[in-house]
PDB file of N, CA and C in Angstrom:
ATOM      1  N   MET A   1       9.497 -11.842  -6.136  1.00  0.00           N
ATOM      2  CA  MET A   1       9.326 -12.276  -4.776  1.00  0.00           C
ATOM      3  C   MET A   1       8.356 -13.445  -4.752  1.00  0.00           C
ATOM      4  N   LYS A   2       8.721 -14.445  -4.026  1.00  0.00           N
ATOM      5  CA  LYS A   2       7.879 -15.631  -3.998  1.00  0.00           C
ATOM      6  C   LYS A   2       6.880 -15.590  -2.849  1.00  0.00           C
ATOM      7  N   HIS A   3       7.305 -15.134  -1.695  1.00  0.00           N
ATOM      8  CA  HIS A   3       6.433 -15.102  -0.528  1.00  0.00           C
ATOM      9  C   HIS A   3       5.542 -13.871  -0.572  1.00  0.00           C
ATOM     10  N   LYS A   4       4.266 -14.079  -0.414  1.00  0.00           N
ATOM     11  CA  LYS A   4       3.330 -12.954  -0.344  1.00  0.00           C
ATOM     12  C   LYS A   4       3.427 -12.319   1.028  1.00  0.00           C
ATOM     13  N   VAL A   5       3.516 -11.025   1.055  1.00  0.00           N
ATOM     14  CA  VAL A   5       3.511 -10.265   2.296  1.00  0.00           C
ATOM     15  C   VAL A   5       2.107  -9.703   2.446  1.00  0.00           C
ATOM     16  N   THR A   6       1.549  -9.837   3.625  1.00  0.00           N
ATOM     17  CA  THR A   6       0.189  -9.348   3.831  1.00  0.00           C
ATOM     18  C   THR A   6       0.191  -7.853   4.115  1.00  0.00           C
ATOM     19  N   VAL A   7      -0.979  -7.256   3.968  1.00  0.00           N
ATOM     20  CA  VAL A   7      -1.150  -5.842   4.296  1.00  0.00           C
ATOM     21  C   VAL A   7      -0.790  -5.628   5.761  1.00  0.00           C
ATOM     22  N   GLU A   8      -1.214  -6.536   6.604  1.00  0.00           N
ATOM     23  CA  GLU A   8      -0.932  -6.414   8.033  1.00  0.00           C
ATOM     24  C   GLU A   8       0.568  -6.410   8.313  1.00  0.00           C
ATOM     25  N   GLU A   9       1.326  -7.218   7.584  1.00  0.00           N
ATOM     26  CA  GLU A   9       2.783  -7.228   7.751  1.00  0.00           C
ATOM     27  C   GLU A   9       3.391  -5.897   7.323  1.00  0.00           C
ATOM     28  N   TRP A  10       2.874  -5.317   6.219  1.00  0.00           N
ATOM     29  CA  TRP A  10       3.367  -4.008   5.777  1.00  0.00           C
ATOM     30  C   TRP A  10       3.070  -2.948   6.822  1.00  0.00           C
ATOM     31  N   VAL A  11       1.853  -2.973   7.360  1.00  0.00           N
ATOM     32  CA  VAL A  11       1.479  -1.989   8.378  1.00  0.00           C
ATOM     33  C   VAL A  11       2.388  -2.132   9.598  1.00  0.00           C
ATOM     34  N   GLU A  12       2.661  -3.371  10.004  1.00  0.00           N
ATOM     35  CA  GLU A  12       3.572  -3.600  11.135  1.00  0.00           C
ATOM     36  C   GLU A  12       4.952  -3.009  10.860  1.00  0.00           C
ATOM     37  N   ARG A  13       5.438  -3.176   9.645  1.00  0.00           N
ATOM     38  CA  ARG A  13       6.757  -2.624   9.285  1.00  0.00           C
ATOM     39  C   ARG A  13       6.731  -1.101   9.311  1.00  0.00           C
ATOM     40  N   PHE A  14       5.676  -0.523   8.749  1.00  0.00           N
ATOM     41  CA  PHE A  14       5.553   0.936   8.767  1.00  0.00           C
ATOM     42  C   PHE A  14       5.524   1.460  10.200  1.00  0.00           C
ATOM     43  N   ARG A  15       4.755   0.802  11.041  1.00  0.00           N
ATOM     44  CA  ARG A  15       4.677   1.231  12.450  1.00  0.00           C
ATOM     45  C   ARG A  15       6.019   1.046  13.154  1.00  0.00           C
ATOM     46  N   ALA A  16       6.736  -0.015  12.815  1.00  0.00           N
ATOM     47  CA  ALA A  16       8.039  -0.280  13.439  1.00  0.00           C
ATOM     48  C   ALA A  16       9.052   0.815  13.135  1.00  0.00           C
ATOM     49  N   VAL A  17       8.906   1.465  11.982  1.00  0.00           N
ATOM     50  CA  VAL A  17       9.817   2.566  11.650  1.00  0.00           C
ATOM     51  C   VAL A  17       9.250   3.915  12.044  1.00  0.00           C
ATOM     52  N   GLY A  18       8.098   3.894  12.734  1.00  0.00           N
ATOM     53  CA  GLY A  18       7.566   5.118  13.301  1.00  0.00           C
ATOM     54  C   GLY A  18       6.474   5.823  12.531  1.00  0.00           C
ATOM     55  N   LEU A  19       5.923   5.199  11.485  1.00  0.00           N
ATOM     56  CA  LEU A  19       4.862   5.849  10.722  1.00  0.00           C
ATOM     57  C   LEU A  19       3.522   5.686  11.423  1.00  0.00           C
ATOM     58  N   ASP A  20       2.740   6.764  11.446  1.00  0.00           N
ATOM     59  CA  ASP A  20       1.381   6.681  11.956  1.00  0.00           C
ATOM     60  C   ASP A  20       0.422   6.618  10.764  1.00  0.00           C
ATOM     61  N   ASP A  21      -0.870   6.598  11.034  1.00  0.00           N
ATOM     62  CA  ASP A  21      -1.851   6.466   9.954  1.00  0.00           C
ATOM     63  C   ASP A  21      -1.734   7.582   8.924  1.00  0.00           C
ATOM     64  N   ALA A  22      -1.540   8.819   9.381  1.00  0.00           N
ATOM     65  CA  ALA A  22      -1.429   9.955   8.462  1.00  0.00           C
ATOM     66  C   ALA A  22      -0.193   9.818   7.573  1.00  0.00           C
ATOM     67  N   GLU A  23       0.907   9.369   8.141  1.00  0.00           N
ATOM     68  CA  GLU A  23       2.132   9.204   7.354  1.00  0.00           C
ATOM     69  C   GLU A  23       2.006   8.050   6.365  1.00  0.00           C
ATOM     70  N   MET A  24       1.307   6.987   6.747  1.00  0.00           N
ATOM     71  CA  MET A  24       1.076   5.883   5.815  1.00  0.00           C
ATOM     72  C   MET A  24       0.196   6.343   4.660  1.00  0.00           C
ATOM     73  N   GLN A  25      -0.792   7.175   4.957  1.00  0.00           N
ATOM     74  CA  GLN A  25      -1.642   7.732   3.902  1.00  0.00           C
ATOM     75  C   GLN A  25      -0.816   8.591   2.949  1.00  0.00           C
ATOM     76  N   LYS A  26       0.068   9.390   3.506  1.00  0.00           N
ATOM     77  CA  LYS A  26       0.939  10.234   2.688  1.00  0.00           C
ATOM     78  C   LYS A  26       1.826   9.369   1.792  1.00  0.00           C
ATOM     79  N   TRP A  27       2.327   8.251   2.336  1.00  0.00           N
ATOM     80  CA  TRP A  27       3.153   7.320   1.553  1.00  0.00           C
ATOM     81  C   TRP A  27       2.365   6.805   0.356  1.00  0.00           C
ATOM     82  N   HIS A  28       1.112   6.388   0.590  1.00  0.00           N
ATOM     83  CA  HIS A  28       0.272   5.905  -0.510  1.00  0.00           C
ATOM     84  C   HIS A  28       0.017   7.002  -1.534  1.00  0.00           C
ATOM     85  N   GLU A  29      -0.260   8.204  -1.068  1.00  0.00           N
ATOM     86  CA  GLU A  29      -0.521   9.319  -1.986  1.00  0.00           C
ATOM     87  C   GLU A  29       0.705   9.608  -2.847  1.00  0.00           C
ATOM     88  N   LEU A  30       1.872   9.591  -2.248  1.00  0.00           N
ATOM     89  CA  LEU A  30       3.104   9.826  -2.990  1.00  0.00           C
ATOM     90  C   LEU A  30       3.348   8.721  -4.010  1.00  0.00           C
ATOM     91  N   PHE A  31       3.167   7.472  -3.591  1.00  0.00           N
ATOM     92  CA  PHE A  31       3.332   6.329  -4.494  1.00  0.00           C
ATOM     93  C   PHE A  31       2.365   6.475  -5.667  1.00  0.00           C
ATOM     94  N   GLU A  32       1.112   6.781  -5.371  1.00  0.00           N
ATOM     95  CA  GLU A  32       0.093   6.913  -6.416  1.00  0.00           C
ATOM     96  C   GLU A  32       0.424   8.037  -7.385  1.00  0.00           C
ATOM     97  N   SER A  33       0.859   9.186  -6.865  1.00  0.00           N
ATOM     98  CA  SER A  33       1.112  10.328  -7.747  1.00  0.00           C
ATOM     99  C   SER A  33       2.383  10.144  -8.572  1.00  0.00           C
ATOM    100  N   GLU A  34       3.389   9.501  -8.010  1.00  0.00           N
ATOM    101  CA  GLU A  34       4.660   9.337  -8.726  1.00  0.00           C
ATOM    102  C   GLU A  34       4.698   8.111  -9.627  1.00  0.00           C
ATOM    103  N   ASN A  35       3.940   7.077  -9.268  1.00  0.00           N
ATOM    104  CA  ASN A  35       4.005   5.840 -10.041  1.00  0.00           C
ATOM    105  C   ASN A  35       2.687   5.085  -9.912  1.00  0.00           C
ATOM    106  N   PRO A  36       1.621   5.583 -10.550  1.00  0.00           N
ATOM    107  CA  PRO A  36       0.313   4.940 -10.401  1.00  0.00           C
ATOM    108  C   PRO A  36       0.286   3.474 -10.838  1.00  0.00           C
ATOM    109  N   GLU A  37       0.988   3.154 -11.910  1.00  0.00           N
ATOM    110  CA  GLU A  37       1.004   1.762 -12.368  1.00  0.00           C
ATOM    111  C   GLU A  37       1.746   0.872 -11.379  1.00  0.00           C
ATOM    112  N   GLY A  38       2.831   1.371 -10.825  1.00  0.00           N
ATOM    113  CA  GLY A  38       3.576   0.617  -9.826  1.00  0.00           C
ATOM    114  C   GLY A  38       2.764   0.427  -8.555  1.00  0.00           C
ATOM    115  N   HIS A  39       2.011   1.455  -8.172  1.00  0.00           N
ATOM    116  CA  HIS A  39       1.154   1.364  -6.994  1.00  0.00           C
ATOM    117  C   HIS A  39       0.089   0.303  -7.211  1.00  0.00           C
ATOM    118  N   GLN A  40      -0.535   0.330  -8.379  1.00  0.00           N
ATOM    119  CA  GLN A  40      -1.542  -0.681  -8.732  1.00  0.00           C
ATOM    120  C   GLN A  40      -0.930  -2.071  -8.649  1.00  0.00           C
ATOM    121  N   SER A  41       0.233  -2.235  -9.247  1.00  0.00           N
ATOM    122  CA  SER A  41       0.904  -3.527  -9.249  1.00  0.00           C
ATOM    123  C   SER A  41       1.236  -3.990  -7.834  1.00  0.00           C
ATOM    124  N   PHE A  42       1.707  -3.078  -6.994  1.00  0.00           N
ATOM    125  CA  PHE A  42       2.039  -3.400  -5.613  1.00  0.00           C
ATOM    126  C   PHE A  42       0.800  -3.866  -4.852  1.00  0.00           C
ATOM    127  N   LEU A  43      -0.307  -3.155  -5.009  1.00  0.00           N
ATOM    128  CA  LEU A  43      -1.531  -3.521  -4.314  1.00  0.00           C
ATOM    129  C   LEU A  43      -2.061  -4.871  -4.794  1.00  0.00           C
ATOM    130  N   GLU A  44      -1.927  -5.141  -6.086  1.00  0.00           N
ATOM    131  CA  GLU A  44      -2.311  -6.454  -6.624  1.00  0.00           C
ATOM    132  C   GLU A  44      -1.411  -7.543  -6.056  1.00  0.00           C
ATOM    133  N   TRP A  45      -0.099  -7.259  -5.965  1.00  0.00           N
ATOM    134  CA  TRP A  45       0.862  -8.219  -5.425  1.00  0.00           C
ATOM    135  C   TRP A  45       0.517  -8.582  -3.985  1.00  0.00           C
ATOM    136  N   LEU A  46      -0.019  -7.601  -3.253  1.00  0.00           N
ATOM    137  CA  LEU A  46      -0.450  -7.872  -1.881  1.00  0.00           C
ATOM    138  C   LEU A  46      -1.674  -8.786  -1.829  1.00  0.00           C
ATOM    139  N   GLY A  47      -2.304  -8.985  -2.977  1.00  0.00           N
ATOM    140  CA  GLY A  47      -3.459  -9.871  -3.047  1.00  0.00           C
ATOM    141  C   GLY A  47      -4.775  -9.213  -2.670  1.00  0.00           C
ATOM    142  N   LEU A  48      -4.806  -7.883  -2.747  1.00  0.00           N
ATOM    143  CA  LEU A  48      -6.027  -7.168  -2.395  1.00  0.00           C
ATOM    144  C   LEU A  48      -7.065  -7.328  -3.499  1.00  0.00           C
ATOM    145  N   PRO A  49      -8.338  -7.418  -3.115  1.00  0.00           N
ATOM    146  CA  PRO A  49      -9.388  -7.503  -4.136  1.00  0.00           C
ATOM    147  C   PRO A  49      -9.532  -6.171  -4.859  1.00  0.00           C
ATOM    148  N   PRO A  50     -10.014  -6.214  -6.095  1.00  0.00           N
ATOM    149  CA  PRO A  50     -10.127  -4.989  -6.907  1.00  0.00           C
ATOM    150  C   PRO A  50     -10.873  -3.847  -6.231  1.00  0.00           C
ATOM    151  N   GLU A  51     -11.962  -4.153  -5.517  1.00  0.00           N
ATOM    152  CA  GLU A  51     -12.728  -3.069  -4.887  1.00  0.00           C
ATOM    153  C   GLU A  51     -11.923  -2.388  -3.781  1.00  0.00           C
ATOM    154  N   ARG A  52     -11.109  -3.135  -3.066  1.00  0.00           N
ATOM    155  CA  ARG A  52     -10.267  -2.524  -2.027  1.00  0.00           C
ATOM    156  C   ARG A  52      -9.160  -1.687  -2.667  1.00  0.00           C
ATOM    157  N   ILE A  53      -8.597  -2.174  -3.762  1.00  0.00           N
ATOM    158  CA  ILE A  53      -7.570  -1.420  -4.480  1.00  0.00           C
ATOM    159  C   ILE A  53      -8.139  -0.088  -4.960  1.00  0.00           C
ATOM    160  N   ARG A  54      -9.338  -0.116  -5.529  1.00  0.00           N
ATOM    161  CA  ARG A  54      -9.978   1.128  -5.994  1.00  0.00           C
ATOM    162  C   ARG A  54     -10.130   2.107  -4.839  1.00  0.00           C
ATOM    163  N   GLY A  55     -10.570   1.617  -3.691  1.00  0.00           N
ATOM    164  CA  GLY A  55     -10.745   2.481  -2.531  1.00  0.00           C
ATOM    165  C   GLY A  55      -9.455   3.104  -2.063  1.00  0.00           C
ATOM    166  N   ILE A  56      -8.391   2.322  -2.032  1.00  0.00           N
ATOM    167  CA  ILE A  56      -7.085   2.827  -1.614  1.00  0.00           C
ATOM    168  C   ILE A  56      -6.593   3.881  -2.597  1.00  0.00           C
ATOM    169  N   ARG A  57      -6.718   3.599  -3.875  1.00  0.00           N
ATOM    170  CA  ARG A  57      -6.194   4.517  -4.880  1.00  0.00           C
ATOM    171  C   ARG A  57      -7.032   5.789  -4.996  1.00  0.00           C
ATOM    172  N   GLN A  58      -8.290   5.755  -4.613  1.00  0.00           N
ATOM    173  CA  GLN A  58      -9.136   6.940  -4.689  1.00  0.00           C
ATOM    174  C   GLN A  58      -8.921   7.884  -3.511  1.00  0.00           C
ATOM    175  N   ARG A  59      -8.381   7.386  -2.409  1.00  0.00           N
ATOM    176  CA  ARG A  59      -8.186   8.232  -1.224  1.00  0.00           C
ATOM    177  C   ARG A  59      -7.196   9.298  -1.478  1.00  0.00           C
TER     178      ARG A  59
END
């Protein structure tokens, strides 16, 4: 993918399909437990700084 999608754009998409904060958290937890390396890669692709990535993955 060439165009970077921001975190805010992802959140907008999640909300557009009806996810609330708890469901988005569950999505992250599932991604982390099933594919931790892919989750890391996805968060890096979003351009998040390392400290924010650590915080997301620790939740």
